[in-house]
Amino acid sequence: MADFTITTFDWVPEFPRGYVRDLRARWALEEAGLSYDVHSVPFHERSSNHFEHQPFGQVPWLTKGDISIFESGAILLHIGEYSETLLPTEPRERARVQEWLFAALNSVEMASLPWFIFKFTGGDSESPEQKRIGAFLHSRLQHMEATLKQKEWLAQSFSIADIAMTDVLRLIHRFDGLYDYPNCREYVIRATSRPKFEKAHADQLAHFAKAQ
C-alpha cells in the first residue's frame, strides 16, 4: 500500500499540462523515495467532497491516513517531515529551507502570476499596468539572480525550497521571462535535469494524456 495519495484532476487542457501543481508533490515524493498513488477528480465538475479537501476547488491535495492537506507549500512541508534530505533536521539549515520555500511562494510567485496572466491573455505589454507588473517581477528576479550567482541550491543541498522555486521560475522561463537572468535560467535547467523531476513531469503528462 502506498504511503501517500495525491489527488489531481482527471484531465486539463493542453496548455497547463506539465505545470499543474500536483507536479510539486510528485517531484518531492520521488526525491524522498516515498511511495504514492494518484487519484483523480473531474475537471469539469467540483463535488462537495472536492471542496471538503480543497476549499477553493483546486488541486492538488495530499492524503496520508486520515490527514488531508491542500496548498502546494503545505504539502511540500509535510512531505519534508518524512525526508531529512528535503527538509534538514539541523536547525539552521531547516530554517533556511523554510524561509526560501515561503520566499518562492510569497515573494516570487506572487510577483510572477500577474505577469503570467497578462502574457497568457495577450495583454497590452505597453500599458501602464503591464509595465508596473513587469517591473515588480523583474525586481524580484534581480534579487534571485544575485542569490543564485554563487549557489547551486538555495540551501546547503537540494530541498523542498528548490522544488517550489524551480516550479515558479520555470513558468516564467516558458515565456522567456528569464532571458536576462542567466543564473536563474541555469538553476531551472539544473533542477529540471534531475531524474526525479523528469519522471514526475513525464508521469503528469501521461496522466492527463490518458484521459484524451
C-alpha atoms as a PDB file:
ATOM      1  CA  MET A   1       0.000   0.000   0.000  1.00  0.00           C
ATOM      2  CA  ALA A   2       1.323   3.446  -0.928  1.00  0.00           C
ATOM      3  CA  ASP A   3       2.438   5.881   1.757  1.00  0.00           C
ATOM      4  CA  PHE A   4       0.601   8.861   0.248  1.00  0.00           C
ATOM      5  CA  THR A   5      -2.144   9.712  -2.206  1.00  0.00           C
ATOM      6  CA  ILE A   6      -2.027  12.749  -4.489  1.00  0.00           C
ATOM      7  CA  THR A   7      -5.377  13.892  -5.845  1.00  0.00           C
ATOM      8  CA  THR A   8      -5.392  15.882  -9.058  1.00  0.00           C
ATOM      9  CA  PHE A   9      -7.730  16.498 -11.988  1.00  0.00           C
ATOM     10  CA  ASP A  10      -8.606  13.679 -14.355  1.00  0.00           C
ATOM     11  CA  TRP A  11      -7.925  15.970 -17.324  1.00  0.00           C
ATOM     12  CA  VAL A  12      -6.791  19.512 -18.080  1.00  0.00           C
ATOM     13  CA  PRO A  13      -6.438  21.386 -21.406  1.00  0.00           C
ATOM     14  CA  GLU A  14      -3.172  21.050 -23.293  1.00  0.00           C
ATOM     15  CA  PHE A  15      -1.660  24.362 -22.196  1.00  0.00           C
ATOM     16  CA  PRO A  16      -1.277  23.753 -18.422  1.00  0.00           C
ATOM     17  CA  ARG A  17      -0.083  20.171 -18.735  1.00  0.00           C
ATOM     18  CA  GLY A  18       3.301  19.785 -17.124  1.00  0.00           C
ATOM     19  CA  TYR A  19       2.593  22.814 -14.908  1.00  0.00           C
ATOM     20  CA  VAL A  20      -0.339  21.692 -12.741  1.00  0.00           C
ATOM     21  CA  ARG A  21       0.848  21.896  -9.157  1.00  0.00           C
ATOM     22  CA  ASP A  22       0.441  18.238  -8.331  1.00  0.00           C
ATOM     23  CA  LEU A  23       3.842  18.135 -10.042  1.00  0.00           C
ATOM     24  CA  ARG A  24       5.401  19.691  -6.941  1.00  0.00           C
ATOM     25  CA  ALA A  25       4.049  16.888  -4.757  1.00  0.00           C
ATOM     26  CA  ARG A  26       5.008  14.194  -7.267  1.00  0.00           C
ATOM     27  CA  TRP A  27       8.537  15.560  -7.532  1.00  0.00           C
ATOM     28  CA  ALA A  28       9.020  15.800  -3.763  1.00  0.00           C
ATOM     29  CA  LEU A  29       7.757  12.272  -3.175  1.00  0.00           C
ATOM     30  CA  GLU A  30      10.024  10.958  -5.927  1.00  0.00           C
ATOM     31  CA  GLU A  31      13.048  12.736  -4.439  1.00  0.00           C
ATOM     32  CA  ALA A  32      12.177  11.424  -0.974  1.00  0.00           C
ATOM     33  CA  GLY A  33      11.735   7.871  -2.231  1.00  0.00           C
ATOM     34  CA  LEU A  34       8.219   7.670  -0.779  1.00  0.00           C
ATOM     35  CA  SER A  35       5.534   5.594  -2.451  1.00  0.00           C
ATOM     36  CA  TYR A  36       2.331   7.243  -3.618  1.00  0.00           C
ATOM     37  CA  ASP A  37      -0.811   6.738  -5.652  1.00  0.00           C
ATOM     38  CA  VAL A  38      -2.520   9.312  -7.828  1.00  0.00           C
ATOM     39  CA  HIS A  39      -6.294   9.706  -7.689  1.00  0.00           C
ATOM     40  CA  SER A  40      -8.419  11.839  -9.989  1.00  0.00           C
ATOM     41  CA  VAL A  41     -11.352  14.189  -9.587  1.00  0.00           C
ATOM     42  CA  PRO A  42     -13.375  15.611 -12.503  1.00  0.00           C
ATOM     43  CA  PHE A  43     -12.018  18.772 -14.085  1.00  0.00           C
ATOM     44  CA  HIS A  44     -15.430  19.984 -15.228  1.00  0.00           C
ATOM     45  CA  GLU A  45     -17.348  19.352 -12.007  1.00  0.00           C
ATOM     46  CA  ARG A  46     -16.478  20.061  -8.374  1.00  0.00           C
ATOM     47  CA  SER A  47     -18.236  17.790  -5.892  1.00  0.00           C
ATOM     48  CA  SER A  48     -18.863  18.576  -2.242  1.00  0.00           C
ATOM     49  CA  ASN A  49     -16.146  16.064  -1.387  1.00  0.00           C
ATOM     50  CA  HIS A  50     -13.703  18.037  -3.561  1.00  0.00           C
ATOM     51  CA  PHE A  51     -14.441  21.232  -1.635  1.00  0.00           C
ATOM     52  CA  GLU A  52     -14.090  19.410   1.679  1.00  0.00           C
ATOM     53  CA  HIS A  53     -10.486  18.620   0.767  1.00  0.00           C
ATOM     54  CA  GLN A  54      -9.696  21.784  -1.209  1.00  0.00           C
ATOM     55  CA  PRO A  55     -11.993  24.695  -0.284  1.00  0.00           C
ATOM     56  CA  PHE A  56     -11.165  26.630  -3.468  1.00  0.00           C
ATOM     57  CA  GLY A  57     -11.968  23.736  -5.789  1.00  0.00           C
ATOM     58  CA  GLN A  58      -8.381  23.450  -6.975  1.00  0.00           C
ATOM     59  CA  VAL A  59      -5.790  20.664  -6.961  1.00  0.00           C
ATOM     60  CA  PRO A  60      -3.766  19.029  -5.627  1.00  0.00           C
ATOM     61  CA  TRP A  61      -4.337  17.729  -2.175  1.00  0.00           C
ATOM     62  CA  LEU A  62      -2.295  15.105  -0.373  1.00  0.00           C
ATOM     63  CA  THR A  63      -3.633  12.434   1.942  1.00  0.00           C
ATOM     64  CA  LYS A  64      -1.935  10.039   4.327  1.00  0.00           C
ATOM     65  CA  GLY A  65      -4.284   8.047   6.507  1.00  0.00           C
ATOM     66  CA  ASP A  66      -6.796  10.498   7.967  1.00  0.00           C
ATOM     67  CA  ILE A  67      -4.592  13.535   7.207  1.00  0.00           C
ATOM     68  CA  SER A  68      -5.570  15.633   4.184  1.00  0.00           C
ATOM     69  CA  ILE A  69      -3.525  18.682   3.160  1.00  0.00           C
ATOM     70  CA  PHE A  70      -4.104  21.255   0.433  1.00  0.00           C
ATOM     71  CA  GLU A  71      -1.862  24.059  -0.907  1.00  0.00           C
ATOM     72  CA  SER A  72       1.414  23.047  -2.503  1.00  0.00           C
ATOM     73  CA  GLY A  73       3.601  24.798   0.072  1.00  0.00           C
ATOM     74  CA  ALA A  74       1.903  22.999   2.965  1.00  0.00           C
ATOM     75  CA  ILE A  75       2.148  19.727   1.031  1.00  0.00           C
ATOM     76  CA  LEU A  76       5.882  20.211   0.479  1.00  0.00           C
ATOM     77  CA  LEU A  77       6.434  20.956   4.160  1.00  0.00           C
ATOM     78  CA  HIS A  78       4.522  17.816   5.120  1.00  0.00           C
ATOM     79  CA  ILE A  79       6.493  15.630   2.727  1.00  0.00           C
ATOM     80  CA  GLY A  80       9.686  17.218   4.023  1.00  0.00           C
ATOM     81  CA  GLU A  81       8.905  15.904   7.504  1.00  0.00           C
ATOM     82  CA  TYR A  82       9.437  12.405   6.096  1.00  0.00           C
ATOM     83  CA  SER A  83      12.721  13.229   4.360  1.00  0.00           C
ATOM     84  CA  GLU A  84      15.760  14.727   6.046  1.00  0.00           C
ATOM     85  CA  THR A  85      17.203  15.158   2.545  1.00  0.00           C
ATOM     86  CA  LEU A  86      14.425  17.569   1.548  1.00  0.00           C
ATOM     87  CA  LEU A  87      13.974  19.241   4.959  1.00  0.00           C
ATOM     88  CA  PRO A  88      17.050  19.016   7.192  1.00  0.00           C
ATOM     89  CA  THR A  89      16.721  18.494  10.926  1.00  0.00           C
ATOM     90  CA  GLU A  90      19.708  20.715  11.778  1.00  0.00           C
ATOM     91  CA  PRO A  91      18.003  23.928  12.981  1.00  0.00           C
ATOM     92  CA  ARG A  92      19.921  26.486  10.911  1.00  0.00           C
ATOM     93  CA  GLU A  93      19.600  24.587   7.631  1.00  0.00           C
ATOM     94  CA  ARG A  94      15.980  23.727   8.362  1.00  0.00           C
ATOM     95  CA  ALA A  95      15.195  27.417   8.853  1.00  0.00           C
ATOM     96  CA  ARG A  96      16.985  28.298   5.624  1.00  0.00           C
ATOM     97  CA  VAL A  97      14.918  25.784   3.649  1.00  0.00           C
ATOM     98  CA  GLN A  98      11.708  27.017   5.246  1.00  0.00           C
ATOM     99  CA  GLU A  99      12.401  30.686   4.549  1.00  0.00           C
ATOM    100  CA  TRP A 100      13.236  30.005   0.895  1.00  0.00           C
ATOM    101  CA  LEU A 101      10.148  27.859   0.470  1.00  0.00           C
ATOM    102  CA  PHE A 102       8.000  30.772   1.625  1.00  0.00           C
ATOM    103  CA  ALA A 103      10.036  33.197  -0.479  1.00  0.00           C
ATOM    104  CA  ALA A 104       9.294  31.122  -3.577  1.00  0.00           C
ATOM    105  CA  LEU A 105       5.562  31.260  -2.915  1.00  0.00           C
ATOM    106  CA  ASN A 106       5.179  34.736  -1.394  1.00  0.00           C
ATOM    107  CA  SER A 107       7.920  36.871  -2.939  1.00  0.00           C
ATOM    108  CA  VAL A 108       8.479  35.352  -6.378  1.00  0.00           C
ATOM    109  CA  GLU A 109       5.295  33.519  -7.341  1.00  0.00           C
ATOM    110  CA  MET A 110       3.171  36.377  -6.050  1.00  0.00           C
ATOM    111  CA  ALA A 111       5.034  38.679  -8.469  1.00  0.00           C
ATOM    112  CA  SER A 112       5.048  36.228 -11.365  1.00  0.00           C
ATOM    113  CA  LEU A 113       1.365  35.282 -11.509  1.00  0.00           C
ATOM    114  CA  PRO A 114       0.005  38.706 -12.588  1.00  0.00           C
ATOM    115  CA  TRP A 115       2.783  38.867 -15.212  1.00  0.00           C
ATOM    116  CA  PHE A 116       1.884  35.381 -16.435  1.00  0.00           C
ATOM    117  CA  ILE A 117      -1.827  36.243 -16.679  1.00  0.00           C
ATOM    118  CA  PHE A 118      -1.028  39.263 -18.838  1.00  0.00           C
ATOM    119  CA  LYS A 119       1.180  37.115 -21.068  1.00  0.00           C
ATOM    120  CA  PHE A 120      -1.353  34.312 -21.297  1.00  0.00           C
ATOM    121  CA  THR A 121      -4.283  36.592 -22.113  1.00  0.00           C
ATOM    122  CA  GLY A 122      -2.341  38.691 -24.624  1.00  0.00           C
ATOM    123  CA  GLY A 123      -2.473  41.867 -22.549  1.00  0.00           C
ATOM    124  CA  ASP A 124      -1.014  45.091 -23.898  1.00  0.00           C
ATOM    125  CA  SER A 125       2.668  44.994 -22.982  1.00  0.00           C
ATOM    126  CA  GLU A 126       2.888  48.778 -23.284  1.00  0.00           C
ATOM    127  CA  SER A 127       0.048  49.503 -20.882  1.00  0.00           C
ATOM    128  CA  PRO A 128       0.971  51.242 -17.613  1.00  0.00           C
ATOM    129  CA  GLU A 129      -0.443  48.291 -15.671  1.00  0.00           C
ATOM    130  CA  GLN A 130       1.665  45.735 -17.509  1.00  0.00           C
ATOM    131  CA  LYS A 131       4.781  47.872 -17.171  1.00  0.00           C
ATOM    132  CA  ARG A 132       4.280  48.085 -13.411  1.00  0.00           C
ATOM    133  CA  ILE A 133       3.672  44.344 -13.163  1.00  0.00           C
ATOM    134  CA  GLY A 134       6.754  43.631 -15.272  1.00  0.00           C
ATOM    135  CA  ALA A 135       8.909  45.966 -13.201  1.00  0.00           C
ATOM    136  CA  PHE A 136       7.742  44.298  -9.987  1.00  0.00           C
ATOM    137  CA  LEU A 137       8.602  40.829 -11.297  1.00  0.00           C
ATOM    138  CA  HIS A 138      11.964  41.902 -12.649  1.00  0.00           C
ATOM    139  CA  SER A 139      12.905  43.467  -9.317  1.00  0.00           C
ATOM    140  CA  ARG A 140      12.314  40.070  -7.722  1.00  0.00           C
ATOM    141  CA  LEU A 141      14.302  38.309 -10.447  1.00  0.00           C
ATOM    142  CA  GLN A 142      17.226  40.672  -9.954  1.00  0.00           C
ATOM    143  CA  HIS A 143      17.433  39.566  -6.323  1.00  0.00           C
ATOM    144  CA  MET A 144      17.157  35.897  -7.327  1.00  0.00           C
ATOM    145  CA  GLU A 145      19.880  36.390  -9.939  1.00  0.00           C
ATOM    146  CA  ALA A 146      22.225  37.731  -7.274  1.00  0.00           C
ATOM    147  CA  THR A 147      21.304  34.961  -4.848  1.00  0.00           C
ATOM    148  CA  LEU A 148      21.948  32.209  -7.378  1.00  0.00           C
ATOM    149  CA  LYS A 149      25.243  33.637  -8.591  1.00  0.00           C
ATOM    150  CA  GLN A 150      27.284  31.626  -6.093  1.00  0.00           C
ATOM    151  CA  LYS A 151      24.802  28.880  -5.210  1.00  0.00           C
ATOM    152  CA  GLU A 152      23.908  25.550  -6.698  1.00  0.00           C
ATOM    153  CA  TRP A 153      20.812  25.273  -4.473  1.00  0.00           C
ATOM    154  CA  LEU A 154      19.041  27.670  -2.129  1.00  0.00           C
ATOM    155  CA  ALA A 155      20.238  25.862   0.994  1.00  0.00           C
ATOM    156  CA  GLN A 156      23.199  23.579   1.549  1.00  0.00           C
ATOM    157  CA  SER A 157      21.671  20.855  -0.635  1.00  0.00           C
ATOM    158  CA  PHE A 158      18.629  20.306  -2.833  1.00  0.00           C
ATOM    159  CA  SER A 159      15.422  20.694  -0.823  1.00  0.00           C
ATOM    160  CA  ILE A 160      11.689  21.380  -0.942  1.00  0.00           C
ATOM    161  CA  ALA A 161      12.602  25.057  -1.340  1.00  0.00           C
ATOM    162  CA  ASP A 162      14.236  24.267  -4.681  1.00  0.00           C
ATOM    163  CA  ILE A 163      11.201  22.279  -5.812  1.00  0.00           C
ATOM    164  CA  ALA A 164       8.947  25.272  -5.162  1.00  0.00           C
ATOM    165  CA  MET A 165      11.325  27.902  -6.557  1.00  0.00           C
ATOM    166  CA  THR A 166      12.113  25.899  -9.686  1.00  0.00           C
ATOM    167  CA  ASP A 167       8.442  25.359 -10.432  1.00  0.00           C
ATOM    168  CA  VAL A 168       7.774  29.087 -10.052  1.00  0.00           C
ATOM    169  CA  LEU A 169      10.738  30.126 -12.204  1.00  0.00           C
ATOM    170  CA  ARG A 170      10.161  27.591 -14.974  1.00  0.00           C
ATOM    171  CA  LEU A 171       6.750  29.090 -15.721  1.00  0.00           C
ATOM    172  CA  ILE A 172       8.453  32.451 -16.166  1.00  0.00           C
ATOM    173  CA  HIS A 173      11.069  30.733 -18.312  1.00  0.00           C
ATOM    174  CA  ARG A 174       8.304  29.278 -20.502  1.00  0.00           C
ATOM    175  CA  PHE A 175       7.528  32.843 -21.627  1.00  0.00           C
ATOM    176  CA  ASP A 176      11.204  33.857 -21.960  1.00  0.00           C
ATOM    177  CA  GLY A 177      10.997  35.899 -18.779  1.00  0.00           C
ATOM    178  CA  LEU A 178      14.423  34.668 -17.660  1.00  0.00           C
ATOM    179  CA  TYR A 179      16.184  35.817 -20.824  1.00  0.00           C
ATOM    180  CA  ASP A 180      18.177  38.470 -18.945  1.00  0.00           C
ATOM    181  CA  TYR A 181      18.788  36.261 -15.900  1.00  0.00           C
ATOM    182  CA  PRO A 182      21.309  33.534 -16.779  1.00  0.00           C
ATOM    183  CA  ASN A 183      21.804  32.348 -13.198  1.00  0.00           C
ATOM    184  CA  CYS A 184      18.071  31.813 -12.830  1.00  0.00           C
ATOM    185  CA  ARG A 185      17.924  30.013 -16.180  1.00  0.00           C
ATOM    186  CA  GLU A 186      20.806  27.725 -15.279  1.00  0.00           C
ATOM    187  CA  TYR A 187      19.195  26.983 -11.920  1.00  0.00           C
ATOM    188  CA  VAL A 188      15.956  25.928 -13.621  1.00  0.00           C
ATOM    189  CA  ILE A 189      17.834  23.775 -16.129  1.00  0.00           C
ATOM    190  CA  ARG A 190      19.916  22.198 -13.362  1.00  0.00           C
ATOM    191  CA  ALA A 191      16.860  21.330 -11.273  1.00  0.00           C
ATOM    192  CA  THR A 192      14.684  20.092 -14.131  1.00  0.00           C
ATOM    193  CA  SER A 193      17.535  17.866 -15.330  1.00  0.00           C
ATOM    194  CA  ARG A 194      17.236  15.812 -12.154  1.00  0.00           C
ATOM    195  CA  PRO A 195      15.901  12.316 -12.931  1.00  0.00           C
ATOM    196  CA  LYS A 196      13.178  12.608 -10.291  1.00  0.00           C
ATOM    197  CA  PHE A 197      11.804  15.768 -11.894  1.00  0.00           C
ATOM    198  CA  GLU A 198      11.877  14.145 -15.311  1.00  0.00           C
ATOM    199  CA  LYS A 199       9.901  11.177 -14.001  1.00  0.00           C
ATOM    200  CA  ALA A 200       7.358  13.330 -12.150  1.00  0.00           C
ATOM    201  CA  HIS A 201       6.893  15.545 -15.206  1.00  0.00           C
ATOM    202  CA  ALA A 202       6.503  12.599 -17.596  1.00  0.00           C
ATOM    203  CA  ASP A 203       4.052  10.915 -15.231  1.00  0.00           C
ATOM    204  CA  GLN A 204       1.886  14.026 -15.052  1.00  0.00           C
ATOM    205  CA  LEU A 205       1.809  14.365 -18.842  1.00  0.00           C
ATOM    206  CA  ALA A 206       0.902  10.696 -19.172  1.00  0.00           C
ATOM    207  CA  HIS A 207      -1.837  11.042 -16.555  1.00  0.00           C
ATOM    208  CA  PHE A 208      -3.616  13.809 -18.456  1.00  0.00           C
ATOM    209  CA  ALA A 209      -2.980  12.259 -21.872  1.00  0.00           C
ATOM    210  CA  LYS A 210      -4.646   9.035 -20.721  1.00  0.00           C
ATOM    211  CA  ALA A 211      -7.944  10.909 -20.357  1.00  0.00           C
ATOM    212  CA  GLN A 212      -7.971  12.026 -24.010  1.00  0.00           C
END
